[in-house]
Amino acid sequence: MASVARRHRPGAACGGVGDEGELRLVLRPAVQPLLLVLGDLHIPHCCNSLLAKLQKLLMPEKIQHILCTDTLCTKKSYDYLKTLAGDVHIVRGDFNENYPEQKGVTVGQVKIGLIHGLQVIPWGDTVSLALLQRRFDVDILTWGHTHKFEAFEHENKFYVNPCSATGAYNALETNIIPSFVLMDMQTSTVVTYVYQLIGDDVKVEGIEYKKS
């Protein structure tokens, strides 16, 4: 059975509430690599850009790696991501057939797999995700397609779905809580922060995973 990894309070490395009450993504220069995970953007088919309250938290030179699970279809969107980080990884989604179906990225001691999620049947199914994780031989598997945030540990591996930072919906999920995920890569420990836009406020929660 899948289990939720240990919850972690947002710290100085990845965000919190500033002196004036404004949430900020990074409060100090990152000592460890920071990895941004985006998914289900659907630009320009459903949305024109990331939601402003989430986008303003993404600051250039603070993030080292970006993983995007799908549906990045315009050069403008790609160029924007390249302003945030030099290392950008994208997989094939609903419309962007020029990208590979899966990618693997190693940061420190942690291997991360990136897929769109359409190949997971049923969508988001833990057993199907675990089969793909073993096939790719990764410590963390990131996927999208469901437009729903998920982060859990299963059989000592970690699974993350960042949902959508544009708020795009699909046929099965219309009540979307827009979000993105930031991973603080600490050698063999990863603290995953989800930034969710709930109403007019951005809420942050951290989940810690330790590679065994």
N, C-alpha and C. Protein backbone atom coordinates (compact mmCIF):
# COMPACT_ATOMS: atom_id res chain seq x y z
N MET A 1 0.85 -1.19 0.00
CA MET A 1 0.00 0.00 0.00
C MET A 1 0.88 1.24 0.00
N ALA A 2 0.48 2.25 -0.77
CA ALA A 2 1.22 3.50 -0.80
C ALA A 2 1.04 4.24 0.51
N SER A 3 2.08 4.97 0.91
CA SER A 3 2.01 5.73 2.14
C SER A 3 2.55 7.12 1.89
N VAL A 4 2.08 8.08 2.67
CA VAL A 4 2.55 9.45 2.56
C VAL A 4 3.87 9.56 3.29
N ALA A 5 4.87 10.15 2.65
CA ALA A 5 6.16 10.33 3.29
C ALA A 5 6.06 11.37 4.40
N ARG A 6 7.12 11.47 5.21
CA ARG A 6 7.10 12.34 6.38
C ARG A 6 6.91 13.80 5.97
N ARG A 7 5.95 14.47 6.60
CA ARG A 7 5.67 15.86 6.31
C ARG A 7 6.79 16.74 6.84
N HIS A 8 7.02 17.84 6.16
CA HIS A 8 8.14 18.72 6.48
C HIS A 8 7.67 20.16 6.37
N ARG A 9 7.99 20.94 7.36
CA ARG A 9 7.62 22.35 7.33
C ARG A 9 8.50 23.10 6.36
N PRO A 10 7.95 24.05 5.58
CA PRO A 10 8.78 24.83 4.68
C PRO A 10 9.88 25.55 5.44
N GLY A 11 11.10 25.47 4.91
CA GLY A 11 12.22 26.11 5.57
C GLY A 11 12.85 27.16 4.70
N ALA A 12 14.00 27.65 5.11
CA ALA A 12 14.63 28.76 4.41
C ALA A 12 15.07 28.38 3.01
N ALA A 13 15.34 27.11 2.77
CA ALA A 13 15.85 26.72 1.46
C ALA A 13 14.82 26.87 0.36
N CYS A 14 13.55 26.69 0.67
CA CYS A 14 12.56 26.57 -0.40
C CYS A 14 11.35 27.44 -0.23
N GLY A 15 11.31 28.28 0.72
CA GLY A 15 10.18 29.20 0.73
C GLY A 15 9.53 29.31 2.09
N GLY A 16 8.74 30.31 2.24
CA GLY A 16 8.05 30.55 3.48
C GLY A 16 7.32 31.86 3.38
N VAL A 17 7.02 32.47 4.49
CA VAL A 17 6.33 33.75 4.49
C VAL A 17 7.31 34.83 4.87
N GLY A 18 7.41 35.84 4.04
CA GLY A 18 8.35 36.94 4.27
C GLY A 18 7.91 37.84 5.40
N ASP A 19 8.75 38.85 5.67
CA ASP A 19 8.48 39.76 6.78
C ASP A 19 7.18 40.53 6.59
N GLU A 20 6.79 40.73 5.35
CA GLU A 20 5.56 41.50 5.08
C GLU A 20 4.40 40.57 4.75
N GLY A 21 4.55 39.28 5.06
CA GLY A 21 3.45 38.35 4.84
C GLY A 21 3.39 37.77 3.45
N GLU A 22 4.34 38.13 2.58
CA GLU A 22 4.32 37.63 1.21
C GLU A 22 5.12 36.35 1.10
N LEU A 23 4.53 35.33 0.50
CA LEU A 23 5.22 34.08 0.34
C LEU A 23 6.28 34.24 -0.73
N ARG A 24 7.49 33.75 -0.43
CA ARG A 24 8.58 33.83 -1.38
C ARG A 24 9.15 32.44 -1.61
N LEU A 25 9.61 32.19 -2.83
CA LEU A 25 10.07 30.85 -3.19
C LEU A 25 11.38 30.51 -2.51
N VAL A 26 12.34 31.41 -2.55
CA VAL A 26 13.65 31.14 -1.98
C VAL A 26 14.06 32.32 -1.12
N LEU A 27 14.44 32.03 0.12
CA LEU A 27 14.82 33.08 1.05
C LEU A 27 16.32 33.24 1.18
N ARG A 28 17.10 32.31 0.64
CA ARG A 28 18.56 32.42 0.66
C ARG A 28 19.10 31.69 -0.56
N PRO A 29 20.34 31.93 -0.95
CA PRO A 29 20.91 31.19 -2.05
C PRO A 29 20.90 29.70 -1.76
N ALA A 30 20.53 28.90 -2.75
CA ALA A 30 20.40 27.46 -2.56
C ALA A 30 21.77 26.82 -2.39
N VAL A 31 21.97 26.09 -1.30
CA VAL A 31 23.19 25.32 -1.09
C VAL A 31 23.12 24.03 -1.88
N GLN A 32 21.96 23.39 -1.86
CA GLN A 32 21.72 22.16 -2.61
C GLN A 32 20.91 22.50 -3.86
N PRO A 33 21.01 21.63 -4.89
CA PRO A 33 20.25 21.89 -6.12
C PRO A 33 18.74 21.93 -5.86
N LEU A 34 18.08 22.84 -6.55
CA LEU A 34 16.63 22.93 -6.51
C LEU A 34 16.08 22.49 -7.86
N LEU A 35 15.07 21.64 -7.84
CA LEU A 35 14.49 21.07 -9.04
C LEU A 35 13.01 21.38 -9.09
N LEU A 36 12.57 22.05 -10.15
CA LEU A 36 11.17 22.43 -10.32
C LEU A 36 10.47 21.38 -11.18
N VAL A 37 9.28 20.94 -10.74
CA VAL A 37 8.49 19.99 -11.50
C VAL A 37 7.17 20.66 -11.89
N LEU A 38 6.90 20.69 -13.19
CA LEU A 38 5.67 21.26 -13.74
C LEU A 38 4.94 20.19 -14.53
N GLY A 39 3.61 20.33 -14.61
CA GLY A 39 2.84 19.38 -15.39
C GLY A 39 1.52 19.93 -15.86
N ASP A 40 0.94 19.27 -16.87
CA ASP A 40 -0.42 19.58 -17.33
C ASP A 40 -0.62 21.07 -17.58
N LEU A 41 0.32 21.68 -18.28
CA LEU A 41 0.24 23.13 -18.52
C LEU A 41 -0.78 23.48 -19.59
N HIS A 42 -0.82 22.69 -20.66
CA HIS A 42 -1.78 22.91 -21.76
C HIS A 42 -1.72 24.33 -22.31
N ILE A 43 -0.49 24.80 -22.55
CA ILE A 43 -0.27 26.09 -23.19
C ILE A 43 0.03 25.84 -24.67
N PRO A 44 -0.67 26.45 -25.61
CA PRO A 44 -1.71 27.49 -25.46
C PRO A 44 -3.13 26.96 -25.61
N HIS A 45 -3.33 25.66 -25.61
CA HIS A 45 -4.63 25.08 -25.95
C HIS A 45 -5.72 25.42 -24.93
N CYS A 46 -5.34 25.45 -23.64
CA CYS A 46 -6.32 25.78 -22.60
C CYS A 46 -5.98 27.07 -21.86
N CYS A 47 -4.69 27.40 -21.78
CA CYS A 47 -4.25 28.55 -21.00
C CYS A 47 -3.12 29.26 -21.75
N ASN A 48 -2.92 30.53 -21.44
CA ASN A 48 -1.87 31.30 -22.10
C ASN A 48 -0.55 31.27 -21.36
N SER A 49 -0.60 31.07 -20.05
CA SER A 49 0.62 31.12 -19.25
C SER A 49 0.36 30.53 -17.87
N LEU A 50 1.41 30.42 -17.07
CA LEU A 50 1.25 30.03 -15.68
C LEU A 50 0.43 31.10 -14.97
N LEU A 51 -0.31 30.68 -13.93
CA LEU A 51 -1.08 31.65 -13.16
C LEU A 51 -0.13 32.63 -12.48
N ALA A 52 -0.50 33.90 -12.49
CA ALA A 52 0.41 34.97 -12.07
C ALA A 52 0.92 34.78 -10.64
N LYS A 53 0.05 34.35 -9.73
CA LYS A 53 0.45 34.23 -8.33
C LYS A 53 1.44 33.10 -8.11
N LEU A 54 1.43 32.11 -9.00
CA LEU A 54 2.44 31.05 -8.93
C LEU A 54 3.69 31.46 -9.70
N GLN A 55 3.50 32.08 -10.84
CA GLN A 55 4.64 32.43 -11.68
C GLN A 55 5.58 33.40 -10.98
N LYS A 56 5.04 34.33 -10.20
CA LYS A 56 5.90 35.33 -9.58
C LYS A 56 6.82 34.72 -8.52
N LEU A 57 6.53 33.50 -8.09
CA LEU A 57 7.39 32.83 -7.12
C LEU A 57 8.60 32.16 -7.76
N LEU A 58 8.59 32.03 -9.07
CA LEU A 58 9.66 31.34 -9.79
C LEU A 58 10.69 32.36 -10.23
N MET A 59 11.84 32.36 -9.55
CA MET A 59 12.84 33.38 -9.79
C MET A 59 14.05 32.80 -10.50
N PRO A 60 14.53 33.47 -11.54
CA PRO A 60 15.73 33.01 -12.25
C PRO A 60 16.93 32.88 -11.31
N GLU A 61 17.82 31.95 -11.64
CA GLU A 61 19.08 31.72 -10.95
C GLU A 61 18.91 31.06 -9.59
N LYS A 62 17.69 30.73 -9.20
CA LYS A 62 17.46 30.02 -7.94
C LYS A 62 17.22 28.53 -8.18
N ILE A 63 16.79 28.18 -9.37
CA ILE A 63 16.43 26.80 -9.71
C ILE A 63 17.47 26.27 -10.68
N GLN A 64 17.94 25.04 -10.43
CA GLN A 64 18.98 24.46 -11.29
C GLN A 64 18.43 23.51 -12.36
N HIS A 65 17.32 22.84 -12.07
CA HIS A 65 16.78 21.85 -12.99
C HIS A 65 15.26 22.02 -13.08
N ILE A 66 14.70 21.75 -14.27
CA ILE A 66 13.25 21.77 -14.46
C ILE A 66 12.83 20.49 -15.16
N LEU A 67 11.79 19.84 -14.63
CA LEU A 67 11.15 18.69 -15.26
C LEU A 67 9.73 19.09 -15.62
N CYS A 68 9.32 18.83 -16.85
CA CYS A 68 7.96 19.16 -17.29
C CYS A 68 7.33 17.90 -17.87
N THR A 69 6.21 17.49 -17.30
CA THR A 69 5.63 16.19 -17.65
C THR A 69 4.94 16.17 -19.00
N ASP A 70 4.56 17.34 -19.53
CA ASP A 70 3.88 17.29 -20.82
C ASP A 70 3.39 18.65 -21.29
N THR A 71 2.87 18.65 -22.48
CA THR A 71 2.02 19.72 -23.04
C THR A 71 2.67 21.09 -22.97
N LEU A 72 3.95 21.13 -23.33
CA LEU A 72 4.64 22.40 -23.51
C LEU A 72 4.82 22.57 -25.01
N CYS A 73 3.97 23.35 -25.63
CA CYS A 73 3.82 23.31 -27.08
C CYS A 73 4.33 24.54 -27.82
N THR A 74 4.81 25.55 -27.11
CA THR A 74 5.25 26.76 -27.79
C THR A 74 6.70 27.07 -27.43
N LYS A 75 7.40 27.65 -28.38
CA LYS A 75 8.79 28.05 -28.13
C LYS A 75 8.85 29.11 -27.04
N LYS A 76 7.85 29.98 -26.98
CA LYS A 76 7.82 31.01 -25.95
C LYS A 76 7.81 30.39 -24.56
N SER A 77 7.03 29.33 -24.37
CA SER A 77 6.97 28.66 -23.07
C SER A 77 8.31 28.02 -22.74
N TYR A 78 8.91 27.38 -23.74
CA TYR A 78 10.22 26.75 -23.52
C TYR A 78 11.28 27.80 -23.19
N ASP A 79 11.27 28.89 -23.92
CA ASP A 79 12.25 29.95 -23.66
C ASP A 79 12.08 30.53 -22.26
N TYR A 80 10.83 30.62 -21.80
CA TYR A 80 10.59 31.11 -20.44
C TYR A 80 11.21 30.17 -19.41
N LEU A 81 11.03 28.87 -19.59
CA LEU A 81 11.62 27.92 -18.65
C LEU A 81 13.14 28.01 -18.66
N LYS A 82 13.72 28.26 -19.82
CA LYS A 82 15.18 28.38 -19.91
C LYS A 82 15.69 29.62 -19.18
N THR A 83 14.83 30.62 -18.96
CA THR A 83 15.25 31.77 -18.16
C THR A 83 15.31 31.42 -16.68
N LEU A 84 14.58 30.38 -16.29
CA LEU A 84 14.56 29.97 -14.89
C LEU A 84 15.69 29.01 -14.55
N ALA A 85 16.05 28.13 -15.50
CA ALA A 85 17.09 27.12 -15.26
C ALA A 85 17.71 26.72 -16.59
N GLY A 86 18.99 26.44 -16.56
CA GLY A 86 19.66 26.03 -17.78
C GLY A 86 19.38 24.60 -18.18
N ASP A 87 19.00 23.78 -17.21
CA ASP A 87 18.79 22.35 -17.45
C ASP A 87 17.28 22.06 -17.44
N VAL A 88 16.68 21.95 -18.62
CA VAL A 88 15.24 21.75 -18.75
C VAL A 88 14.97 20.42 -19.45
N HIS A 89 14.10 19.60 -18.85
CA HIS A 89 13.76 18.28 -19.39
C HIS A 89 12.25 18.21 -19.61
N ILE A 90 11.84 17.79 -20.81
CA ILE A 90 10.43 17.74 -21.18
C ILE A 90 10.16 16.41 -21.85
N VAL A 91 8.99 15.83 -21.59
CA VAL A 91 8.59 14.59 -22.27
C VAL A 91 7.34 14.83 -23.11
N ARG A 92 7.08 13.88 -23.97
CA ARG A 92 5.96 13.98 -24.90
C ARG A 92 4.63 13.95 -24.16
N GLY A 93 3.75 14.87 -24.53
CA GLY A 93 2.44 14.94 -23.91
C GLY A 93 1.34 14.75 -24.93
N ASP A 94 0.23 15.43 -24.70
CA ASP A 94 -0.93 15.28 -25.58
C ASP A 94 -0.69 15.88 -26.96
N PHE A 95 0.14 16.94 -27.04
CA PHE A 95 0.28 17.66 -28.29
C PHE A 95 1.73 17.83 -28.75
N ASN A 96 2.69 17.67 -27.86
CA ASN A 96 4.09 17.95 -28.20
C ASN A 96 4.82 16.67 -28.57
N GLU A 97 4.70 16.22 -29.79
CA GLU A 97 5.23 14.94 -30.22
C GLU A 97 6.73 14.97 -30.50
N ASN A 98 7.35 16.11 -30.40
CA ASN A 98 8.77 16.22 -30.70
C ASN A 98 9.67 15.82 -29.55
N TYR A 99 9.08 15.47 -28.41
CA TYR A 99 9.86 15.11 -27.23
C TYR A 99 9.81 13.60 -26.99
N PRO A 100 10.77 13.05 -26.23
CA PRO A 100 10.76 11.61 -25.93
C PRO A 100 9.63 11.25 -24.98
N GLU A 101 9.27 9.96 -24.94
CA GLU A 101 8.19 9.50 -24.07
C GLU A 101 8.60 9.47 -22.61
N GLN A 102 9.87 9.28 -22.34
CA GLN A 102 10.33 9.28 -20.96
C GLN A 102 11.78 9.78 -20.91
N LYS A 103 12.17 10.28 -19.76
CA LYS A 103 13.54 10.74 -19.56
C LYS A 103 13.98 10.36 -18.16
N GLY A 104 15.29 10.23 -18.00
CA GLY A 104 15.87 9.99 -16.69
C GLY A 104 16.87 11.09 -16.36
N VAL A 105 16.84 11.57 -15.13
CA VAL A 105 17.72 12.64 -14.68
C VAL A 105 18.33 12.21 -13.35
N THR A 106 19.63 12.37 -13.21
CA THR A 106 20.30 12.06 -11.95
C THR A 106 20.80 13.35 -11.33
N VAL A 107 20.40 13.58 -10.08
CA VAL A 107 20.86 14.74 -9.32
C VAL A 107 21.47 14.21 -8.03
N GLY A 108 22.77 14.37 -7.89
CA GLY A 108 23.45 13.80 -6.73
C GLY A 108 23.36 12.29 -6.74
N GLN A 109 22.81 11.73 -5.69
CA GLN A 109 22.65 10.28 -5.58
C GLN A 109 21.26 9.80 -5.97
N VAL A 110 20.42 10.71 -6.43
CA VAL A 110 19.02 10.38 -6.67
C VAL A 110 18.73 10.33 -8.17
N LYS A 111 18.13 9.22 -8.61
CA LYS A 111 17.71 9.07 -10.00
C LYS A 111 16.21 9.35 -10.10
N ILE A 112 15.85 10.21 -11.05
CA ILE A 112 14.47 10.66 -11.21
C ILE A 112 13.99 10.29 -12.60
N GLY A 113 12.82 9.67 -12.68
CA GLY A 113 12.20 9.36 -13.95
C GLY A 113 11.08 10.34 -14.25
N LEU A 114 10.93 10.69 -15.52
CA LEU A 114 9.93 11.67 -15.95
C LEU A 114 9.10 11.08 -17.08
N ILE A 115 7.78 11.01 -16.88
CA ILE A 115 6.86 10.53 -17.91
C ILE A 115 5.64 11.45 -17.96
N HIS A 116 4.90 11.32 -19.06
CA HIS A 116 3.68 12.12 -19.20
C HIS A 116 2.58 11.61 -18.27
N GLY A 117 2.33 10.31 -18.27
CA GLY A 117 1.29 9.74 -17.43
C GLY A 117 0.21 9.02 -18.20
N LEU A 118 0.12 9.27 -19.50
CA LEU A 118 -0.89 8.60 -20.32
C LEU A 118 -0.66 7.10 -20.36
N GLN A 119 0.61 6.69 -20.22
CA GLN A 119 0.94 5.26 -20.26
C GLN A 119 0.63 4.54 -18.95
N VAL A 120 0.16 5.28 -17.93
CA VAL A 120 -0.22 4.69 -16.65
C VAL A 120 -1.70 4.32 -16.72
N ILE A 121 -2.01 3.03 -16.69
CA ILE A 121 -3.39 2.55 -16.81
C ILE A 121 -3.72 1.63 -15.63
N PRO A 122 -4.80 1.95 -14.89
CA PRO A 122 -5.62 3.17 -14.93
C PRO A 122 -4.79 4.41 -14.58
N TRP A 123 -5.28 5.59 -14.98
CA TRP A 123 -4.54 6.82 -14.73
C TRP A 123 -4.20 6.97 -13.24
N GLY A 124 -2.93 7.18 -12.96
CA GLY A 124 -2.51 7.41 -11.59
C GLY A 124 -2.46 6.17 -10.72
N ASP A 125 -2.64 4.99 -11.29
CA ASP A 125 -2.68 3.75 -10.52
C ASP A 125 -1.31 3.44 -9.92
N THR A 126 -1.29 3.16 -8.61
CA THR A 126 -0.03 2.95 -7.92
C THR A 126 0.72 1.72 -8.44
N VAL A 127 0.02 0.64 -8.70
CA VAL A 127 0.67 -0.58 -9.20
C VAL A 127 1.31 -0.33 -10.56
N SER A 128 0.60 0.36 -11.44
CA SER A 128 1.14 0.68 -12.76
C SER A 128 2.34 1.62 -12.66
N LEU A 129 2.26 2.60 -11.76
CA LEU A 129 3.38 3.50 -11.54
C LEU A 129 4.61 2.73 -11.03
N ALA A 130 4.37 1.79 -10.12
CA ALA A 130 5.48 1.01 -9.57
C ALA A 130 6.14 0.15 -10.64
N LEU A 131 5.36 -0.39 -11.57
CA LEU A 131 5.93 -1.16 -12.67
C LEU A 131 6.86 -0.30 -13.52
N LEU A 132 6.44 0.93 -13.80
CA LEU A 132 7.26 1.84 -14.58
C LEU A 132 8.51 2.26 -13.80
N GLN A 133 8.34 2.47 -12.51
CA GLN A 133 9.50 2.83 -11.68
C GLN A 133 10.56 1.74 -11.73
N ARG A 134 10.14 0.49 -11.64
CA ARG A 134 11.10 -0.61 -11.68
C ARG A 134 11.72 -0.75 -13.07
N ARG A 135 10.93 -0.53 -14.10
CA ARG A 135 11.46 -0.62 -15.46
C ARG A 135 12.53 0.43 -15.70
N PHE A 136 12.29 1.65 -15.20
CA PHE A 136 13.25 2.74 -15.41
C PHE A 136 14.37 2.72 -14.37
N ASP A 137 14.19 1.94 -13.29
CA ASP A 137 15.18 1.84 -12.22
C ASP A 137 15.52 3.21 -11.65
N VAL A 138 14.49 3.91 -11.15
CA VAL A 138 14.67 5.24 -10.58
C VAL A 138 14.23 5.25 -9.12
N ASP A 139 14.70 6.25 -8.41
CA ASP A 139 14.30 6.43 -7.00
C ASP A 139 13.01 7.23 -6.89
N ILE A 140 12.82 8.18 -7.81
CA ILE A 140 11.64 9.03 -7.83
C ILE A 140 11.03 8.99 -9.22
N LEU A 141 9.73 8.81 -9.29
CA LEU A 141 9.02 8.86 -10.57
C LEU A 141 8.07 10.05 -10.56
N THR A 142 8.20 10.92 -11.56
CA THR A 142 7.30 12.05 -11.70
C THR A 142 6.41 11.83 -12.92
N TRP A 143 5.13 12.16 -12.76
CA TRP A 143 4.18 11.98 -13.85
C TRP A 143 3.10 13.04 -13.77
N GLY A 144 2.30 13.13 -14.83
CA GLY A 144 1.21 14.09 -14.87
C GLY A 144 -0.04 13.47 -15.45
N HIS A 145 -0.75 14.22 -16.27
CA HIS A 145 -1.91 13.79 -17.03
C HIS A 145 -3.21 13.79 -16.24
N THR A 146 -3.15 13.64 -14.92
CA THR A 146 -4.38 13.55 -14.12
C THR A 146 -4.86 14.91 -13.63
N HIS A 147 -4.01 15.95 -13.72
CA HIS A 147 -4.37 17.30 -13.24
C HIS A 147 -4.69 17.27 -11.74
N LYS A 148 -3.97 16.45 -11.01
CA LYS A 148 -4.21 16.31 -9.57
C LYS A 148 -2.87 16.11 -8.87
N PHE A 149 -2.60 16.92 -7.84
CA PHE A 149 -1.35 16.77 -7.11
C PHE A 149 -1.36 15.48 -6.28
N GLU A 150 -0.25 14.76 -6.34
CA GLU A 150 -0.04 13.59 -5.50
C GLU A 150 1.44 13.49 -5.16
N ALA A 151 1.75 13.06 -3.96
CA ALA A 151 3.11 12.78 -3.54
C ALA A 151 3.05 11.71 -2.46
N PHE A 152 3.67 10.57 -2.73
CA PHE A 152 3.62 9.48 -1.76
C PHE A 152 4.82 8.56 -1.93
N GLU A 153 5.09 7.80 -0.88
CA GLU A 153 6.15 6.80 -0.89
C GLU A 153 5.52 5.42 -1.00
N HIS A 154 6.11 4.58 -1.82
CA HIS A 154 5.60 3.23 -2.03
C HIS A 154 6.79 2.30 -2.25
N GLU A 155 6.92 1.32 -1.38
CA GLU A 155 8.00 0.34 -1.46
C GLU A 155 9.36 1.03 -1.56
N ASN A 156 9.55 2.03 -0.69
CA ASN A 156 10.81 2.77 -0.55
C ASN A 156 11.16 3.62 -1.77
N LYS A 157 10.20 3.86 -2.64
CA LYS A 157 10.38 4.77 -3.76
C LYS A 157 9.37 5.90 -3.62
N PHE A 158 9.64 7.01 -4.32
CA PHE A 158 8.81 8.20 -4.16
C PHE A 158 8.17 8.57 -5.49
N TYR A 159 6.91 9.01 -5.42
CA TYR A 159 6.12 9.32 -6.61
C TYR A 159 5.53 10.73 -6.46
N VAL A 160 5.65 11.53 -7.53
CA VAL A 160 5.20 12.92 -7.47
C VAL A 160 4.46 13.28 -8.75
N ASN A 161 3.27 13.83 -8.58
CA ASN A 161 2.50 14.42 -9.68
C ASN A 161 2.28 15.89 -9.30
N PRO A 162 2.82 16.84 -10.09
CA PRO A 162 2.78 18.25 -9.68
C PRO A 162 1.46 18.96 -9.93
N CYS A 163 0.49 18.31 -10.57
CA CYS A 163 -0.76 18.95 -11.00
C CYS A 163 -0.44 19.99 -12.07
N SER A 164 -1.17 21.08 -12.11
CA SER A 164 -1.04 22.07 -13.18
C SER A 164 -0.82 23.46 -12.60
N ALA A 165 0.23 24.14 -13.07
CA ALA A 165 0.50 25.51 -12.62
C ALA A 165 -0.30 26.54 -13.42
N THR A 166 -1.04 26.08 -14.43
CA THR A 166 -1.91 26.98 -15.18
C THR A 166 -3.37 26.85 -14.74
N GLY A 167 -3.68 25.78 -14.01
CA GLY A 167 -5.07 25.53 -13.62
C GLY A 167 -5.87 24.85 -14.70
N ALA A 168 -5.20 24.32 -15.72
CA ALA A 168 -5.90 23.64 -16.81
C ALA A 168 -6.62 22.41 -16.28
N TYR A 169 -7.80 22.11 -16.83
CA TYR A 169 -8.58 20.96 -16.39
C TYR A 169 -8.66 19.94 -17.52
N ASN A 170 -9.12 18.74 -17.16
CA ASN A 170 -9.37 17.72 -18.18
C ASN A 170 -10.80 17.21 -18.05
N ALA A 171 -11.14 16.21 -18.83
CA ALA A 171 -12.52 15.73 -18.88
C ALA A 171 -12.96 15.10 -17.57
N LEU A 172 -11.99 14.54 -16.82
CA LEU A 172 -12.34 13.83 -15.59
C LEU A 172 -12.11 14.65 -14.34
N GLU A 173 -11.37 15.74 -14.45
CA GLU A 173 -11.03 16.53 -13.27
C GLU A 173 -11.20 18.01 -13.60
N THR A 174 -12.27 18.61 -13.10
CA THR A 174 -12.54 20.02 -13.36
C THR A 174 -12.30 20.91 -12.13
N ASN A 175 -12.27 20.29 -10.94
CA ASN A 175 -12.03 21.04 -9.71
C ASN A 175 -10.53 21.04 -9.43
N ILE A 176 -9.79 21.88 -10.14
CA ILE A 176 -8.34 21.88 -10.10
C ILE A 176 -7.82 22.84 -9.03
N ILE A 177 -6.86 22.37 -8.24
CA ILE A 177 -6.10 23.25 -7.35
C ILE A 177 -4.75 23.47 -8.01
N PRO A 178 -4.52 24.64 -8.64
CA PRO A 178 -3.28 24.86 -9.37
C PRO A 178 -2.06 24.72 -8.46
N SER A 179 -0.99 24.13 -8.99
CA SER A 179 0.19 23.93 -8.15
C SER A 179 1.42 23.63 -8.99
N PHE A 180 2.58 23.78 -8.35
CA PHE A 180 3.83 23.26 -8.88
C PHE A 180 4.60 22.66 -7.71
N VAL A 181 5.65 21.92 -8.05
CA VAL A 181 6.45 21.22 -7.05
C VAL A 181 7.90 21.67 -7.16
N LEU A 182 8.51 21.91 -6.01
CA LEU A 182 9.93 22.22 -5.95
C LEU A 182 10.61 21.20 -5.06
N MET A 183 11.68 20.59 -5.57
CA MET A 183 12.42 19.58 -4.82
C MET A 183 13.77 20.15 -4.37
N ASP A 184 14.01 20.08 -3.09
CA ASP A 184 15.29 20.46 -2.51
C ASP A 184 16.14 19.19 -2.41
N MET A 185 17.11 19.06 -3.31
CA MET A 185 17.89 17.83 -3.43
C MET A 185 19.06 17.87 -2.45
N GLN A 186 18.99 17.05 -1.41
CA GLN A 186 20.00 17.04 -0.35
C GLN A 186 20.71 15.69 -0.33
N THR A 187 21.61 15.47 -1.28
CA THR A 187 22.36 14.22 -1.42
C THR A 187 21.40 13.05 -1.60
N SER A 188 21.13 12.27 -0.54
CA SER A 188 20.20 11.14 -0.66
C SER A 188 18.84 11.44 -0.04
N THR A 189 18.63 12.68 0.39
CA THR A 189 17.35 13.11 0.94
C THR A 189 16.76 14.18 0.04
N VAL A 190 15.45 14.07 -0.19
CA VAL A 190 14.76 15.05 -1.04
C VAL A 190 13.57 15.59 -0.25
N VAL A 191 13.52 16.91 -0.11
CA VAL A 191 12.35 17.55 0.49
C VAL A 191 11.53 18.15 -0.65
N THR A 192 10.32 17.65 -0.81
CA THR A 192 9.44 18.06 -1.90
C THR A 192 8.43 19.07 -1.38
N TYR A 193 8.47 20.28 -1.93
CA TYR A 193 7.54 21.33 -1.53
C TYR A 193 6.48 21.50 -2.62
N VAL A 194 5.22 21.46 -2.24
CA VAL A 194 4.14 21.75 -3.18
C VAL A 194 3.60 23.13 -2.86
N TYR A 195 3.52 23.95 -3.90
CA TYR A 195 2.96 25.30 -3.81
C TYR A 195 1.60 25.26 -4.47
N GLN A 196 0.54 25.40 -3.69
CA GLN A 196 -0.83 25.29 -4.20
C GLN A 196 -1.56 26.62 -4.06
N LEU A 197 -2.23 27.01 -5.14
CA LEU A 197 -3.04 28.23 -5.12
C LEU A 197 -4.46 27.84 -4.71
N ILE A 198 -4.79 28.15 -3.45
CA ILE A 198 -6.09 27.82 -2.90
C ILE A 198 -6.84 29.13 -2.66
N GLY A 199 -7.85 29.36 -3.47
CA GLY A 199 -8.51 30.66 -3.45
C GLY A 199 -7.55 31.72 -3.96
N ASP A 200 -7.31 32.74 -3.13
CA ASP A 200 -6.38 33.81 -3.50
C ASP A 200 -5.01 33.66 -2.84
N ASP A 201 -4.82 32.57 -2.10
CA ASP A 201 -3.59 32.40 -1.33
C ASP A 201 -2.80 31.20 -1.80
N VAL A 202 -1.47 31.33 -1.76
CA VAL A 202 -0.59 30.21 -2.07
C VAL A 202 -0.20 29.53 -0.76
N LYS A 203 -0.47 28.25 -0.68
CA LYS A 203 -0.13 27.46 0.50
C LYS A 203 1.04 26.54 0.17
N VAL A 204 1.91 26.31 1.14
CA VAL A 204 3.10 25.50 0.92
C VAL A 204 3.14 24.37 1.94
N GLU A 205 3.46 23.17 1.46
CA GLU A 205 3.66 22.03 2.35
C GLU A 205 4.83 21.22 1.85
N GLY A 206 5.63 20.69 2.79
CA GLY A 206 6.80 19.91 2.43
C GLY A 206 6.68 18.46 2.85
N ILE A 207 7.25 17.58 2.03
CA ILE A 207 7.23 16.14 2.28
C ILE A 207 8.65 15.62 2.09
N GLU A 208 9.18 14.93 3.08
CA GLU A 208 10.57 14.46 3.03
C GLU A 208 10.64 13.00 2.62
N TYR A 209 11.57 12.72 1.69
CA TYR A 209 11.83 11.35 1.27
C TYR A 209 13.32 11.09 1.39
N LYS A 210 13.66 9.95 2.02
CA LYS A 210 15.06 9.54 2.16
C LYS A 210 15.30 8.28 1.36
N LYS A 211 16.26 8.36 0.44
CA LYS A 211 16.59 7.20 -0.36
C LYS A 211 17.24 6.14 0.54
N SER A 212 16.74 4.92 0.45
CA SER A 212 17.27 3.85 1.32
C SER A 212 18.36 3.07 0.61
